[in-house]
Amino acid sequence: MPDDQVYTLDDYAETLIRDKNYQTLTQDMHVELKKDILRRVQDFMISRVITKLSDDQVKEMNMLLDTDPTDQQVQDFVSSSLNNSSEFISDTLFEFRQTYLGLI
């Protein structure tokens, strides 16, 4: 991808589907699988973030999550709450990828 293009979680899910190399995936199955991956990666990310937060930050995050926030709002919260948030997110997505693809 060019440097100026944003790599989204949708792109990430598509990459995982491609890397998993499903042989008999219909379009409907693809759509459902992508939704499942996105839900699972978000849950995985949130569980990892929570382990890095103070008790007060966890309460704040729970209040945010109760409002059905956008991905950007969650990302902004994580960025403001964690040191080296970009590295943390990259490492967490890499860990999810390794687990999803059965590499660890």
Protein backbone atom coordinates (compact mmCIF):
# COMPACT_ATOMS: atom_id res chain seq x y z
CA MET A 1 0.00 0.00 0.00
CA PRO A 2 1.25 3.49 -0.69
CA ASP A 3 2.49 5.40 2.35
CA ASP A 4 -0.38 7.90 2.20
CA GLN A 5 -3.08 5.23 2.22
CA VAL A 6 -4.68 4.35 5.55
CA TYR A 7 -4.75 0.66 6.43
CA THR A 8 -8.11 0.00 8.10
CA LEU A 9 -9.42 -2.88 10.17
CA ASP A 10 -11.49 -3.83 7.11
CA ASP A 11 -8.25 -4.16 5.16
CA TYR A 12 -6.76 -6.14 8.03
CA ALA A 13 -9.71 -8.56 8.02
CA GLU A 14 -9.47 -8.97 4.24
CA THR A 15 -5.78 -9.74 4.56
CA LEU A 16 -6.47 -12.38 7.20
CA ILE A 17 -9.11 -14.00 5.00
CA ARG A 18 -6.71 -14.03 2.06
CA ASP A 19 -3.81 -15.34 4.16
CA LYS A 20 -5.98 -18.11 5.61
CA ASN A 21 -6.53 -19.24 2.01
CA TYR A 22 -10.08 -20.51 2.32
CA GLN A 23 -10.91 -22.72 -0.67
CA THR A 24 -14.72 -22.83 -0.69
CA LEU A 25 -15.76 -19.42 0.60
CA THR A 26 -18.92 -18.05 -1.00
CA GLN A 27 -19.56 -14.30 -1.08
CA ASP A 28 -22.11 -14.60 1.74
CA MET A 29 -19.68 -16.64 3.80
CA HIS A 30 -16.97 -14.07 3.11
CA VAL A 31 -19.16 -11.25 4.40
CA GLU A 32 -20.06 -13.16 7.57
CA LEU A 33 -16.47 -14.25 8.14
CA LYS A 34 -15.26 -10.68 7.82
CA LYS A 35 -17.85 -9.50 10.37
CA ASP A 36 -16.74 -12.27 12.72
CA ILE A 37 -13.07 -11.37 12.35
CA LEU A 38 -13.77 -7.70 12.99
CA ARG A 39 -15.78 -8.50 16.10
CA ARG A 40 -13.10 -10.89 17.37
CA VAL A 41 -10.20 -8.53 16.71
CA GLN A 42 -12.02 -5.70 18.48
CA ASP A 43 -12.70 -7.93 21.49
CA PHE A 44 -9.08 -9.09 21.47
CA MET A 45 -7.80 -5.52 21.28
CA ILE A 46 -10.06 -4.33 24.09
CA SER A 47 -9.01 -7.21 26.32
CA ARG A 48 -5.35 -6.36 25.75
CA VAL A 49 -5.90 -2.64 26.29
CA ILE A 50 -7.67 -3.24 29.60
CA THR A 51 -4.62 -5.03 30.99
CA LYS A 52 -2.57 -1.87 30.43
CA LEU A 53 -4.99 0.61 32.00
CA SER A 54 -5.33 1.90 35.53
CA ASP A 55 -8.57 1.19 37.39
CA ASP A 56 -9.78 4.72 36.66
CA GLN A 57 -8.96 4.35 32.98
CA VAL A 58 -10.85 1.04 32.86
CA LYS A 59 -13.91 2.79 34.29
CA GLU A 60 -13.53 5.54 31.72
CA MET A 61 -13.19 3.01 28.93
CA ASN A 62 -16.27 1.12 30.12
CA MET A 63 -18.26 4.34 30.07
CA LEU A 64 -17.03 5.01 26.55
CA LEU A 65 -17.90 1.49 25.39
CA ASP A 66 -21.41 1.89 26.82
CA THR A 67 -21.98 4.72 24.33
CA ASP A 68 -21.38 2.48 21.29
CA PRO A 69 -18.35 4.52 20.20
CA THR A 70 -16.90 4.72 16.74
CA ASP A 71 -13.61 2.99 16.02
CA GLN A 72 -11.99 6.42 15.93
CA GLN A 73 -13.26 7.27 19.42
CA VAL A 74 -11.85 4.02 20.79
CA GLN A 75 -8.57 4.61 18.99
CA ASP A 76 -8.38 8.14 20.37
CA PHE A 77 -8.99 6.84 23.88
CA VAL A 78 -6.29 4.19 23.52
CA SER A 79 -3.85 6.71 22.06
CA SER A 80 -4.37 9.11 24.92
CA SER A 81 -4.28 6.39 27.60
CA LEU A 82 -1.28 4.28 26.61
CA ASN A 83 2.34 5.12 26.07
CA ASN A 84 3.56 3.93 22.68
CA SER A 85 -0.01 3.19 21.62
CA SER A 86 0.92 2.72 17.96
CA GLU A 87 3.47 0.06 18.86
CA PHE A 88 1.02 -1.56 21.27
CA ILE A 89 -1.71 -1.71 18.61
CA SER A 90 0.70 -3.11 16.01
CA ASP A 91 1.95 -5.76 18.41
CA THR A 92 -1.59 -6.71 19.41
CA LEU A 93 -2.77 -6.98 15.80
CA PHE A 94 0.28 -9.08 15.00
CA GLU A 95 -0.49 -11.38 17.95
CA PHE A 96 -4.10 -11.74 16.80
CA ARG A 97 -2.92 -12.54 13.27
CA GLN A 98 -0.53 -15.20 14.51
CA THR A 99 -3.27 -16.76 16.61
CA TYR A 100 -5.91 -16.57 13.88
CA LEU A 101 -3.65 -18.14 11.29
CA GLY A 102 -2.57 -20.85 13.74
CA LEU A 103 1.05 -19.78 13.70
CA ILE A 104 1.38 -19.80 17.50
